[in-house]
Amino acid sequence: MRFVLLANQWALDANTLMYPFRIPRSGHVNSNRGKTHEKVLFATTALVATAGVAAADVTFGGYGRFGVIHVTNPTGTNETNVTSRFRLQIDATAESDAGVTFGARVRLEGEERDETNGNRPSFNGVRYFARSGGLEVGVGNIFGALEFMPGMYPIDLGLTGHNYDYTAYNFGGDAYSSGGLGSAGSNGVELLYSAGDFSVHVSASETQNADRIAAHIAYTWNGWTFALGGQDSDLATDTELAASVGGSFGPVDVTLAFADNGTKGDHIVLAGRVDVGAATNVEAYVADADQWADTSFGIDFNHDLGGGTSLRGGVSTGGSLGDESAVDFGVRFNF
């Protein structure tokens, strides 16, 4: 969903449109036509046709999901609960005369656990950026070089993502925070650059807990993407090194990822996706980490219902939560 606002450069106030106008409701007949109508039409045409016009682009998008999740573990938990999430993303950009795009991103998000705690959906921290060609500088709630590295999210398991055991760097670095309730993210700075099949991403942040600087480089060759990342951090549990390779073997997309996560040890993931019909795909992973007692496994399905809607479900076991198993199923709709 997109709204485009046009503001004439010689406006007296940058926050005020020179020619505010209202579009009549559908089916409404304007009986006051003639010169008044001609003046409104002329003013509107002049606004759009003026040579020096700057455009501001505000885009709304996101998704909703709802369904059920069942969790069991050796401590006696055996629960089935409703799970849900609503995420509205707002992207706003403006382009200078020199062709530099300035913008910001913010999300409004709410989940069933927020409602349980008596909280309403709320906004996260804002990410600001400036972009020109293949170069982008971001500040605020940054993406993070390791979080944004190819191969760190090879799949999106089931309806809820489960425990994300298939994310090799194990969140040991800066990451874009989508959660509301004052979640501002890392409040850092980052630089992204891409040229053809080559890309590089550097990020840095300074908080009360740690100073971090991380980077990754990635290159795509013959349908395969290779990525290598590293980080210097004050936190002993943060990721120090990460690597991944991903591509296709016939109909199967595969990713192999590795991370040295400091004192948490090594983490390795093998994940894949295959289409099993015109509208259905299956994803699976196996992951192992030094900090886990058991290897983690998971498999899911995604069935496209058309129009941005889909049925999703998955099952996972082991890994970061020990012998816990989770099964979820539900609907997701993108807008």
C-alpha atoms as a PDB file:
ATOM      1  CA  MET A   1       0.000   0.000   0.000  1.00  0.00           C
ATOM      2  CA  ARG A   2       1.604   3.289  -1.028  1.00  0.00           C
ATOM      3  CA  PHE A   3       0.818   6.979  -0.580  1.00  0.00           C
ATOM      4  CA  VAL A   4       2.866   9.548  -2.548  1.00  0.00           C
ATOM      5  CA  LEU A   5       2.940  13.135  -1.308  1.00  0.00           C
ATOM      6  CA  LEU A   6       4.132  15.877  -3.677  1.00  0.00           C
ATOM      7  CA  ALA A   7       5.448  19.155  -2.268  1.00  0.00           C
ATOM      8  CA  ASN A   8       6.508  22.097  -4.433  1.00  0.00           C
ATOM      9  CA  GLN A   9      10.058  23.201  -3.713  1.00  0.00           C
ATOM     10  CA  TRP A  10       9.077  26.853  -3.467  1.00  0.00           C
ATOM     11  CA  ALA A  11       6.530  26.173  -0.719  1.00  0.00           C
ATOM     12  CA  LEU A  12       6.780  28.676   2.132  1.00  0.00           C
ATOM     13  CA  ASP A  13       6.741  25.886   4.735  1.00  0.00           C
ATOM     14  CA  ALA A  14       8.245  22.469   4.041  1.00  0.00           C
ATOM     15  CA  ASN A  15       5.698  20.894   6.364  1.00  0.00           C
ATOM     16  CA  THR A  16       2.709  22.385   4.509  1.00  0.00           C
ATOM     17  CA  LEU A  17       1.403  21.410   1.086  1.00  0.00           C
ATOM     18  CA  MET A  18       0.951  24.428  -1.183  1.00  0.00           C
ATOM     19  CA  TYR A  19      -2.290  23.067  -2.603  1.00  0.00           C
ATOM     20  CA  PRO A  20      -4.189  20.910  -0.109  1.00  0.00           C
ATOM     21  CA  PHE A  21      -7.118  19.212  -1.798  1.00  0.00           C
ATOM     22  CA  ARG A  22      -9.693  16.547  -1.061  1.00  0.00           C
ATOM     23  CA  ILE A  23     -10.869  13.799  -3.356  1.00  0.00           C
ATOM     24  CA  PRO A  24     -14.698  13.390  -3.226  1.00  0.00           C
ATOM     25  CA  ARG A  25     -16.081  10.076  -2.035  1.00  0.00           C
ATOM     26  CA  SER A  26     -16.948   7.561  -4.716  1.00  0.00           C
ATOM     27  CA  GLY A  27     -20.353   8.295  -6.241  1.00  0.00           C
ATOM     28  CA  HIS A  28     -20.473  11.877  -4.961  1.00  0.00           C
ATOM     29  CA  VAL A  29     -21.537  14.395  -7.619  1.00  0.00           C
ATOM     30  CA  ASN A  30     -20.076  17.879  -7.308  1.00  0.00           C
ATOM     31  CA  SER A  31     -22.831  20.279  -8.337  1.00  0.00           C
ATOM     32  CA  ASN A  32     -20.635  23.357  -7.938  1.00  0.00           C
ATOM     33  CA  ARG A  33     -18.707  23.074 -11.172  1.00  0.00           C
ATOM     34  CA  GLY A  34     -17.530  25.813 -13.556  1.00  0.00           C
ATOM     35  CA  LYS A  35     -14.840  28.324 -12.560  1.00  0.00           C
ATOM     36  CA  THR A  36     -14.343  26.952  -9.040  1.00  0.00           C
ATOM     37  CA  HIS A  37     -13.781  23.486 -10.453  1.00  0.00           C
ATOM     38  CA  GLU A  38     -11.433  24.901 -13.077  1.00  0.00           C
ATOM     39  CA  LYS A  39      -9.346  26.679 -10.417  1.00  0.00           C
ATOM     40  CA  VAL A  40      -8.984  23.508  -8.349  1.00  0.00           C
ATOM     41  CA  LEU A  41      -8.071  21.526 -11.461  1.00  0.00           C
ATOM     42  CA  PHE A  42      -5.530  24.163 -12.528  1.00  0.00           C
ATOM     43  CA  ALA A  43      -3.948  24.304  -9.064  1.00  0.00           C
ATOM     44  CA  THR A  44      -3.688  20.518  -8.862  1.00  0.00           C
ATOM     45  CA  THR A  45      -2.226  20.288 -12.368  1.00  0.00           C
ATOM     46  CA  ALA A  46       0.270  23.050 -11.578  1.00  0.00           C
ATOM     47  CA  LEU A  47       1.397  21.189  -8.454  1.00  0.00           C
ATOM     48  CA  VAL A  48       2.095  17.971 -10.339  1.00  0.00           C
ATOM     49  CA  ALA A  49       3.541  19.592 -13.468  1.00  0.00           C
ATOM     50  CA  THR A  50       5.871  22.127 -11.811  1.00  0.00           C
ATOM     51  CA  ALA A  51       9.466  21.532 -12.935  1.00  0.00           C
ATOM     52  CA  GLY A  52      11.081  21.511  -9.486  1.00  0.00           C
ATOM     53  CA  VAL A  53       9.093  18.935  -7.517  1.00  0.00           C
ATOM     54  CA  ALA A  54      10.398  16.797  -4.671  1.00  0.00           C
ATOM     55  CA  ALA A  55       8.613  13.506  -3.939  1.00  0.00           C
ATOM     56  CA  ALA A  56       8.066  11.911  -0.558  1.00  0.00           C
ATOM     57  CA  ASP A  57       7.124   8.235  -0.656  1.00  0.00           C
ATOM     58  CA  VAL A  58       5.405   6.647   2.352  1.00  0.00           C
ATOM     59  CA  THR A  59       4.811   2.885   2.120  1.00  0.00           C
ATOM     60  CA  PHE A  60       2.728   0.747   4.474  1.00  0.00           C
ATOM     61  CA  GLY A  61       3.138  -3.023   4.549  1.00  0.00           C
ATOM     62  CA  GLY A  62       3.517  -5.980   6.850  1.00  0.00           C
ATOM     63  CA  TYR A  63       1.737  -9.168   7.837  1.00  0.00           C
ATOM     64  CA  GLY A  64      -0.552 -10.834  10.333  1.00  0.00           C
ATOM     65  CA  ARG A  65      -0.542 -14.406  11.576  1.00  0.00           C
ATOM     66  CA  PHE A  66      -2.657 -16.484  13.930  1.00  0.00           C
ATOM     67  CA  GLY A  67      -2.955 -20.132  14.857  1.00  0.00           C
ATOM     68  CA  VAL A  68      -2.101 -22.607  17.601  1.00  0.00           C
ATOM     69  CA  ILE A  69       1.158 -23.863  19.115  1.00  0.00           C
ATOM     70  CA  HIS A  70       1.688 -26.963  21.267  1.00  0.00           C
ATOM     71  CA  VAL A  71       4.780 -27.282  23.475  1.00  0.00           C
ATOM     72  CA  THR A  72       5.960 -30.300  25.482  1.00  0.00           C
ATOM     73  CA  ASN A  73       9.119 -30.803  27.570  1.00  0.00           C
ATOM     74  CA  PRO A  74      10.467 -33.202  30.225  1.00  0.00           C
ATOM     75  CA  THR A  75       9.624 -30.783  33.066  1.00  0.00           C
ATOM     76  CA  GLY A  76       5.944 -31.550  32.582  1.00  0.00           C
ATOM     77  CA  THR A  77       4.875 -28.754  30.248  1.00  0.00           C
ATOM     78  CA  ASN A  78       2.175 -29.969  27.880  1.00  0.00           C
ATOM     79  CA  GLU A  79       0.308 -26.912  26.636  1.00  0.00           C
ATOM     80  CA  THR A  80      -1.636 -25.822  23.587  1.00  0.00           C
ATOM     81  CA  ASN A  81      -2.121 -22.071  23.195  1.00  0.00           C
ATOM     82  CA  VAL A  82      -3.308 -19.536  20.644  1.00  0.00           C
ATOM     83  CA  THR A  83      -0.454 -17.651  18.978  1.00  0.00           C
ATOM     84  CA  SER A  84      -0.717 -14.436  16.975  1.00  0.00           C
ATOM     85  CA  ARG A  85       1.234 -11.478  15.666  1.00  0.00           C
ATOM     86  CA  PHE A  86       0.411  -8.252  13.834  1.00  0.00           C
ATOM     87  CA  ARG A  87       3.214  -6.241  12.223  1.00  0.00           C
ATOM     88  CA  LEU A  88       2.733  -2.963  10.375  1.00  0.00           C
ATOM     89  CA  GLN A  89       5.862  -1.571   8.729  1.00  0.00           C
ATOM     90  CA  ILE A  90       6.115   2.051   7.632  1.00  0.00           C
ATOM     91  CA  ASP A  91       8.868   3.118   5.222  1.00  0.00           C
ATOM     92  CA  ALA A  92       9.206   6.811   4.408  1.00  0.00           C
ATOM     93  CA  THR A  93      11.673   8.224   1.862  1.00  0.00           C
ATOM     94  CA  ALA A  94      12.453  11.517   0.154  1.00  0.00           C
ATOM     95  CA  GLU A  95      14.929  12.163  -2.668  1.00  0.00           C
ATOM     96  CA  SER A  96      17.155  15.231  -2.925  1.00  0.00           C
ATOM     97  CA  ASP A  97      17.896  17.109  -6.150  1.00  0.00           C
ATOM     98  CA  ALA A  98      21.284  15.382  -6.198  1.00  0.00           C
ATOM     99  CA  GLY A  99      19.610  11.960  -6.297  1.00  0.00           C
ATOM    100  CA  VAL A 100      20.339  10.966  -2.678  1.00  0.00           C
ATOM    101  CA  THR A 101      17.489   9.075  -0.999  1.00  0.00           C
ATOM    102  CA  PHE A 102      16.868   9.763   2.686  1.00  0.00           C
ATOM    103  CA  GLY A 103      14.500   7.569   4.633  1.00  0.00           C
ATOM    104  CA  ALA A 104      13.346   5.900   7.819  1.00  0.00           C
ATOM    105  CA  ARG A 105      11.695   2.637   8.844  1.00  0.00           C
ATOM    106  CA  VAL A 106       9.527   1.931  11.879  1.00  0.00           C
ATOM    107  CA  ARG A 107       7.300  -0.997  12.868  1.00  0.00           C
ATOM    108  CA  LEU A 108       4.146  -1.310  14.931  1.00  0.00           C
ATOM    109  CA  GLU A 109       3.928  -4.801  16.392  1.00  0.00           C
ATOM    110  CA  GLY A 110       1.779  -6.738  18.809  1.00  0.00           C
ATOM    111  CA  GLU A 111       1.600 -10.400  19.835  1.00  0.00           C
ATOM    112  CA  GLU A 112      -0.656 -12.519  22.030  1.00  0.00           C
ATOM    113  CA  ARG A 113       1.893 -12.366  24.862  1.00  0.00           C
ATOM    114  CA  ASP A 114       1.586  -8.560  24.858  1.00  0.00           C
ATOM    115  CA  GLU A 115      -2.169  -8.834  25.351  1.00  0.00           C
ATOM    116  CA  THR A 116      -1.629 -11.344  28.181  1.00  0.00           C
ATOM    117  CA  ASN A 117       0.549  -8.762  29.949  1.00  0.00           C
ATOM    118  CA  GLY A 118      -2.036  -6.047  29.369  1.00  0.00           C
ATOM    119  CA  ASN A 119       0.035  -4.262  26.724  1.00  0.00           C
ATOM    120  CA  ARG A 120      -1.111  -2.908  23.378  1.00  0.00           C
ATOM    121  CA  PRO A 121       0.802  -3.025  20.060  1.00  0.00           C
ATOM    122  CA  SER A 122       3.597  -0.440  20.102  1.00  0.00           C
ATOM    123  CA  PHE A 123       6.321   1.001  17.885  1.00  0.00           C
ATOM    124  CA  ASN A 124       9.937  -0.123  17.846  1.00  0.00           C
ATOM    125  CA  GLY A 125      13.046   2.019  17.429  1.00  0.00           C
ATOM    126  CA  VAL A 126      13.473   3.853  14.111  1.00  0.00           C
ATOM    127  CA  ARG A 127      16.152   3.088  11.538  1.00  0.00           C
ATOM    128  CA  TYR A 128      17.259   6.100   9.461  1.00  0.00           C
ATOM    129  CA  PHE A 129      19.300   5.892   6.275  1.00  0.00           C
ATOM    130  CA  ALA A 130      20.795   7.734   3.321  1.00  0.00           C
ATOM    131  CA  ARG A 131      21.251   5.877   0.019  1.00  0.00           C
ATOM    132  CA  SER A 132      22.914   6.684  -3.276  1.00  0.00           C
ATOM    133  CA  GLY A 133      23.579   4.068  -5.920  1.00  0.00           C
ATOM    134  CA  GLY A 134      24.960   0.960  -4.239  1.00  0.00           C
ATOM    135  CA  LEU A 135      25.986   2.770  -1.036  1.00  0.00           C
ATOM    136  CA  GLU A 136      23.788   3.096   2.053  1.00  0.00           C
ATOM    137  CA  VAL A 137      24.492   4.512   5.507  1.00  0.00           C
ATOM    138  CA  GLY A 138      22.101   3.594   8.335  1.00  0.00           C
ATOM    139  CA  VAL A 139      21.810   4.808  11.945  1.00  0.00           C
ATOM    140  CA  GLY A 140      19.555   4.051  14.894  1.00  0.00           C
ATOM    141  CA  ASN A 141      17.914   0.626  15.061  1.00  0.00           C
ATOM    142  CA  ILE A 142      20.421  -0.856  12.596  1.00  0.00           C
ATOM    143  CA  PHE A 143      20.179  -4.182  10.770  1.00  0.00           C
ATOM    144  CA  GLY A 144      23.593  -5.413  11.986  1.00  0.00           C
ATOM    145  CA  ALA A 145      26.276  -6.950   9.779  1.00  0.00           C
ATOM    146  CA  LEU A 146      25.951 -10.503  11.142  1.00  0.00           C
ATOM    147  CA  GLU A 147      22.155 -10.464  11.390  1.00  0.00           C
ATOM    148  CA  PHE A 148      21.963  -9.287   7.762  1.00  0.00           C
ATOM    149  CA  MET A 149      24.540 -11.762   6.506  1.00  0.00           C
ATOM    150  CA  PRO A 150      23.392 -14.255   3.810  1.00  0.00           C
ATOM    151  CA  GLY A 151      22.760 -17.726   5.238  1.00  0.00           C
ATOM    152  CA  MET A 152      21.865 -16.648   8.770  1.00  0.00           C
ATOM    153  CA  TYR A 153      18.116 -17.121   8.091  1.00  0.00           C
ATOM    154  CA  PRO A 154      18.062 -19.960   5.543  1.00  0.00           C
ATOM    155  CA  ILE A 155      14.403 -20.797   6.313  1.00  0.00           C
ATOM    156  CA  ASP A 156      11.490 -19.505   8.378  1.00  0.00           C
ATOM    157  CA  LEU A 157      10.186 -22.557  10.198  1.00  0.00           C
ATOM    158  CA  GLY A 158       6.457 -23.073  10.571  1.00  0.00           C
ATOM    159  CA  LEU A 159       4.123 -20.293  11.632  1.00  0.00           C
ATOM    160  CA  THR A 160       6.207 -18.800  14.455  1.00  0.00           C
ATOM    161  CA  GLY A 161       9.854 -19.530  13.564  1.00  0.00           C
ATOM    162  CA  HIS A 162      10.100 -21.781  16.644  1.00  0.00           C
ATOM    163  CA  ASN A 163      13.389 -21.189  18.518  1.00  0.00           C
ATOM    164  CA  TYR A 164      15.457 -20.112  15.472  1.00  0.00           C
ATOM    165  CA  ASP A 165      18.038 -22.793  16.189  1.00  0.00           C
ATOM    166  CA  TYR A 166      18.832 -22.607  12.460  1.00  0.00           C
ATOM    167  CA  THR A 167      20.328 -19.126  12.908  1.00  0.00           C
ATOM    168  CA  ALA A 168      24.017 -19.959  13.269  1.00  0.00           C
ATOM    169  CA  TYR A 169      25.272 -16.699  14.748  1.00  0.00           C
ATOM    170  CA  ASN A 170      22.708 -17.248  17.546  1.00  0.00           C
ATOM    171  CA  PHE A 171      21.949 -13.519  17.919  1.00  0.00           C
ATOM    172  CA  GLY A 172      25.431 -12.766  19.191  1.00  0.00           C
ATOM    173  CA  GLY A 173      25.587  -9.320  17.574  1.00  0.00           C
ATOM    174  CA  ASP A 174      23.615  -6.220  16.637  1.00  0.00           C
ATOM    175  CA  ALA A 175      20.217  -6.902  15.074  1.00  0.00           C
ATOM    176  CA  TYR A 176      17.190  -4.909  13.945  1.00  0.00           C
ATOM    177  CA  SER A 177      14.680  -5.066  16.797  1.00  0.00           C
ATOM    178  CA  SER A 178      11.050  -5.385  15.691  1.00  0.00           C
ATOM    179  CA  GLY A 179       9.566  -5.579  19.155  1.00  0.00           C
ATOM    180  CA  GLY A 180       7.630  -2.662  20.561  1.00  0.00           C
ATOM    181  CA  LEU A 181       7.397  -1.500  24.178  1.00  0.00           C
ATOM    182  CA  GLY A 182      10.314   0.887  23.777  1.00  0.00           C
ATOM    183  CA  SER A 183      12.590  -1.581  21.954  1.00  0.00           C
ATOM    184  CA  ALA A 184      15.064   0.749  20.277  1.00  0.00           C
ATOM    185  CA  GLY A 185      17.548  -1.844  19.021  1.00  0.00           C
ATOM    186  CA  SER A 186      21.275  -1.259  19.117  1.00  0.00           C
ATOM    187  CA  ASN A 187      21.232   2.474  18.233  1.00  0.00           C
ATOM    188  CA  GLY A 188      24.331   2.034  16.083  1.00  0.00           C
ATOM    189  CA  VAL A 189      25.691   2.976  12.681  1.00  0.00           C
ATOM    190  CA  GLU A 190      26.248   0.827   9.604  1.00  0.00           C
ATOM    191  CA  LEU A 191      27.461   1.004   6.028  1.00  0.00           C
ATOM    192  CA  LEU A 192      26.208  -1.241   3.223  1.00  0.00           C
ATOM    193  CA  TYR A 193      27.669  -1.363  -0.272  1.00  0.00           C
ATOM    194  CA  SER A 194      26.857  -3.569  -3.241  1.00  0.00           C
ATOM    195  CA  ALA A 195      28.211  -3.724  -6.777  1.00  0.00           C
ATOM    196  CA  GLY A 196      26.954  -6.504  -9.028  1.00  0.00           C
ATOM    197  CA  ASP A 197      27.473  -9.851  -7.301  1.00  0.00           C
ATOM    198  CA  PHE A 198      29.642  -8.379  -4.520  1.00  0.00           C
ATOM    199  CA  SER A 199      28.413  -6.821  -1.269  1.00  0.00           C
ATOM    200  CA  VAL A 200      29.899  -5.661   2.027  1.00  0.00           C
ATOM    201  CA  HIS A 201      28.258  -4.637   5.296  1.00  0.00           C
ATOM    202  CA  VAL A 202      29.961  -2.996   8.313  1.00  0.00           C
ATOM    203  CA  SER A 203      28.147  -2.127  11.557  1.00  0.00           C
ATOM    204  CA  ALA A 204      29.118  -0.702  14.937  1.00  0.00           C
ATOM    205  CA  SER A 205      27.376   0.133  18.196  1.00  0.00           C
ATOM    206  CA  GLU A 206      28.212   1.331  21.688  1.00  0.00           C
ATOM    207  CA  THR A 207      25.959   0.421  24.611  1.00  0.00           C
ATOM    208  CA  GLN A 208      26.222   0.061  28.379  1.00  0.00           C
ATOM    209  CA  ASN A 209      26.866  -3.656  27.941  1.00  0.00           C
ATOM    210  CA  ALA A 210      29.295  -3.794  25.036  1.00  0.00           C
ATOM    211  CA  ASP A 211      31.038  -2.078  22.160  1.00  0.00           C
ATOM    212  CA  ARG A 212      30.723  -3.974  18.892  1.00  0.00           C
ATOM    213  CA  ILE A 213      32.102  -3.671  15.392  1.00  0.00           C
ATOM    214  CA  ALA A 214      31.197  -6.330  12.836  1.00  0.00           C
ATOM    215  CA  ALA A 215      31.468  -6.855   9.094  1.00  0.00           C
ATOM    216  CA  HIS A 216      30.646  -9.368   6.399  1.00  0.00           C
ATOM    217  CA  ILE A 217      31.446  -9.721   2.724  1.00  0.00           C
ATOM    218  CA  ALA A 218      29.377 -11.775   0.269  1.00  0.00           C
ATOM    219  CA  TYR A 219      29.799 -12.827  -3.331  1.00  0.00           C
ATOM    220  CA  THR A 220      27.429 -14.680  -5.661  1.00  0.00           C
ATOM    221  CA  TRP A 221      28.963 -16.894  -8.313  1.00  0.00           C
ATOM    222  CA  ASN A 222      27.165 -19.249 -10.672  1.00  0.00           C
ATOM    223  CA  GLY A 223      24.024 -19.275  -8.511  1.00  0.00           C
ATOM    224  CA  TRP A 224      25.860 -19.842  -5.210  1.00  0.00           C
ATOM    225  CA  THR A 225      26.323 -17.184  -2.535  1.00  0.00           C
ATOM    226  CA  PHE A 226      29.414 -17.274  -0.309  1.00  0.00           C
ATOM    227  CA  ALA A 227      29.634 -15.073   2.805  1.00  0.00           C
ATOM    228  CA  LEU A 228      32.220 -14.497   5.514  1.00  0.00           C
ATOM    229  CA  GLY A 229      31.767 -12.343   8.615  1.00  0.00           C
ATOM    230  CA  GLY A 230      33.611 -11.389  11.777  1.00  0.00           C
ATOM    231  CA  GLN A 231      33.107  -9.287  14.904  1.00  0.00           C
ATOM    232  CA  ASP A 232      35.061  -7.635  17.692  1.00  0.00           C
ATOM    233  CA  SER A 233      32.954  -7.305  20.840  1.00  0.00           C
ATOM    234  CA  ASP A 234      33.355  -6.732  24.566  1.00  0.00           C
ATOM    235  CA  LEU A 235      30.917  -9.592  25.249  1.00  0.00           C
ATOM    236  CA  ALA A 236      32.557 -13.009  25.549  1.00  0.00           C
ATOM    237  CA  THR A 237      29.345 -14.706  24.365  1.00  0.00           C
ATOM    238  CA  ASP A 238      29.160 -12.701  21.129  1.00  0.00           C
ATOM    239  CA  THR A 239      29.930 -14.208  17.727  1.00  0.00           C
ATOM    240  CA  GLU A 240      33.533 -13.893  16.582  1.00  0.00           C
ATOM    241  CA  LEU A 241      33.414 -15.559  13.145  1.00  0.00           C
ATOM    242  CA  ALA A 242      30.650 -16.667  10.758  1.00  0.00           C
ATOM    243  CA  ALA A 243      30.592 -18.255   7.305  1.00  0.00           C
ATOM    244  CA  SER A 244      27.911 -19.561   4.964  1.00  0.00           C
ATOM    245  CA  VAL A 245      27.345 -20.941   1.483  1.00  0.00           C
ATOM    246  CA  GLY A 246      23.976 -21.357  -0.204  1.00  0.00           C
ATOM    247  CA  GLY A 247      22.671 -22.419  -3.583  1.00  0.00           C
ATOM    248  CA  SER A 248      20.622 -25.047  -5.398  1.00  0.00           C
ATOM    249  CA  PHE A 249      20.962 -28.700  -6.263  1.00  0.00           C
ATOM    250  CA  GLY A 250      18.294 -29.084  -8.906  1.00  0.00           C
ATOM    251  CA  PRO A 251      14.917 -28.386  -7.209  1.00  0.00           C
ATOM    252  CA  VAL A 252      16.423 -28.193  -3.699  1.00  0.00           C
ATOM    253  CA  ASP A 253      17.750 -24.964  -2.171  1.00  0.00           C
ATOM    254  CA  VAL A 254      20.415 -25.665   0.467  1.00  0.00           C
ATOM    255  CA  THR A 255      22.410 -23.590   2.941  1.00  0.00           C
ATOM    256  CA  LEU A 256      25.344 -24.545   5.139  1.00  0.00           C
ATOM    257  CA  ALA A 257      26.261 -22.044   7.861  1.00  0.00           C
ATOM    258  CA  PHE A 258      28.843 -21.970  10.654  1.00  0.00           C
ATOM    259  CA  ALA A 259      29.558 -19.583  13.523  1.00  0.00           C
ATOM    260  CA  ASP A 260      32.129 -19.366  16.311  1.00  0.00           C
ATOM    261  CA  ASN A 261      30.003 -17.862  19.073  1.00  0.00           C
ATOM    262  CA  GLY A 262      32.699 -17.067  21.621  1.00  0.00           C
ATOM    263  CA  THR A 263      32.304 -18.842  24.943  1.00  0.00           C
ATOM    264  CA  LYS A 264      29.060 -20.426  23.703  1.00  0.00           C
ATOM    265  CA  GLY A 265      31.145 -22.454  21.259  1.00  0.00           C
ATOM    266  CA  ASP A 266      30.590 -23.449  17.636  1.00  0.00           C
ATOM    267  CA  HIS A 267      27.210 -23.619  15.919  1.00  0.00           C
ATOM    268  CA  ILE A 268      26.619 -25.337  12.564  1.00  0.00           C
ATOM    269  CA  VAL A 269      23.422 -25.514  10.489  1.00  0.00           C
ATOM    270  CA  LEU A 270      22.337 -27.400   7.378  1.00  0.00           C
ATOM    271  CA  ALA A 271      18.979 -26.276   5.973  1.00  0.00           C
ATOM    272  CA  GLY A 272      17.012 -26.847   2.789  1.00  0.00           C
ATOM    273  CA  ARG A 273      13.805 -26.043   0.925  1.00  0.00           C
ATOM    274  CA  VAL A 274      12.048 -27.944  -1.876  1.00  0.00           C
ATOM    275  CA  ASP A 275       8.822 -27.394  -3.808  1.00  0.00           C
ATOM    276  CA  VAL A 276       6.469 -30.372  -3.580  1.00  0.00           C
ATOM    277  CA  GLY A 277       3.717 -28.894  -5.733  1.00  0.00           C
ATOM    278  CA  ALA A 278       2.703 -25.776  -7.564  1.00  0.00           C
ATOM    279  CA  ALA A 279       1.723 -24.027  -4.320  1.00  0.00           C
ATOM    280  CA  THR A 280       3.483 -25.984  -1.548  1.00  0.00           C
ATOM    281  CA  ASN A 281       7.053 -26.172  -0.278  1.00  0.00           C
ATOM    282  CA  VAL A 282       8.735 -28.061   2.546  1.00  0.00           C
ATOM    283  CA  GLU A 283      11.633 -26.745   4.648  1.00  0.00           C
ATOM    284  CA  ALA A 284      13.888 -28.697   7.004  1.00  0.00           C
ATOM    285  CA  TYR A 285      17.028 -28.182   9.055  1.00  0.00           C
ATOM    286  CA  VAL A 286      19.464 -29.928  11.357  1.00  0.00           C
ATOM    287  CA  ALA A 287      21.619 -27.866  13.699  1.00  0.00           C
ATOM    288  CA  ASP A 288      24.215 -28.598  16.345  1.00  0.00           C
ATOM    289  CA  ALA A 289      25.937 -26.331  18.850  1.00  0.00           C
ATOM    290  CA  ASP A 290      28.517 -26.897  21.561  1.00  0.00           C
ATOM    291  CA  GLN A 291      26.221 -25.353  24.192  1.00  0.00           C
ATOM    292  CA  TRP A 292      23.376 -27.811  23.491  1.00  0.00           C
ATOM    293  CA  ALA A 293      22.890 -31.235  24.989  1.00  0.00           C
ATOM    294  CA  ASP A 294      20.951 -32.421  21.928  1.00  0.00           C
ATOM    295  CA  THR A 295      21.020 -31.778  18.199  1.00  0.00           C
ATOM    296  CA  SER A 296      18.119 -29.683  16.925  1.00  0.00           C
ATOM    297  CA  PHE A 297      15.818 -30.827  14.100  1.00  0.00           C
ATOM    298  CA  GLY A 298      12.852 -29.222  12.384  1.00  0.00           C
ATOM    299  CA  ILE A 299      10.568 -29.578   9.370  1.00  0.00           C
ATOM    300  CA  ASP A 300       7.634 -27.543   8.081  1.00  0.00           C
ATOM    301  CA  PHE A 301       5.308 -26.894   5.155  1.00  0.00           C
ATOM    302  CA  ASN A 302       4.039 -23.700   3.527  1.00  0.00           C
ATOM    303  CA  HIS A 303       0.973 -23.795   1.281  1.00  0.00           C
ATOM    304  CA  ASP A 304       0.169 -20.710  -0.805  1.00  0.00           C
ATOM    305  CA  LEU A 305      -3.542 -19.832  -0.800  1.00  0.00           C
ATOM    306  CA  GLY A 306      -3.072 -16.893  -3.163  1.00  0.00           C
ATOM    307  CA  GLY A 307      -3.427 -13.172  -2.593  1.00  0.00           C
ATOM    308  CA  GLY A 308      -0.584 -13.087  -0.062  1.00  0.00           C
ATOM    309  CA  THR A 309      -2.193 -15.685   2.219  1.00  0.00           C
ATOM    310  CA  SER A 310      -0.753 -19.053   3.212  1.00  0.00           C
ATOM    311  CA  LEU A 311      -1.207 -22.024   5.524  1.00  0.00           C
ATOM    312  CA  ARG A 312       1.898 -22.808   7.591  1.00  0.00           C
ATOM    313  CA  GLY A 313       2.893 -25.427  10.108  1.00  0.00           C
ATOM    314  CA  GLY A 314       6.027 -26.996  11.557  1.00  0.00           C
ATOM    315  CA  VAL A 315       7.585 -29.180  14.212  1.00  0.00           C
ATOM    316  CA  SER A 316      10.956 -28.874  15.971  1.00  0.00           C
ATOM    317  CA  THR A 317      12.760 -30.612  18.813  1.00  0.00           C
ATOM    318  CA  GLY A 318      16.008 -30.437  20.783  1.00  0.00           C
ATOM    319  CA  GLY A 319      18.534 -27.644  20.553  1.00  0.00           C
ATOM    320  CA  SER A 320      18.458 -24.470  22.623  1.00  0.00           C
ATOM    321  CA  LEU A 321      15.603 -25.642  24.885  1.00  0.00           C
ATOM    322  CA  GLY A 322      16.855 -29.189  25.434  1.00  0.00           C
ATOM    323  CA  ASP A 323      14.279 -31.920  25.011  1.00  0.00           C
ATOM    324  CA  GLU A 324      11.435 -29.486  24.345  1.00  0.00           C
ATOM    325  CA  SER A 325       9.303 -30.106  21.246  1.00  0.00           C
ATOM    326  CA  ALA A 326       7.043 -27.590  19.545  1.00  0.00           C
ATOM    327  CA  VAL A 327       4.325 -27.947  16.905  1.00  0.00           C
ATOM    328  CA  ASP A 328       2.498 -24.989  15.347  1.00  0.00           C
ATOM    329  CA  PHE A 329      -0.106 -24.448  12.644  1.00  0.00           C
ATOM    330  CA  GLY A 330      -1.995 -21.442  11.336  1.00  0.00           C
ATOM    331  CA  VAL A 331      -2.533 -18.759   8.713  1.00  0.00           C
ATOM    332  CA  ARG A 332      -0.348 -15.893   7.599  1.00  0.00           C
ATOM    333  CA  PHE A 333      -1.495 -13.020   5.412  1.00  0.00           C
ATOM    334  CA  ASN A 334       0.778 -10.365   3.910  1.00  0.00           C
ATOM    335  CA  PHE A 335      -0.431  -6.854   3.099  1.00  0.00           C
END
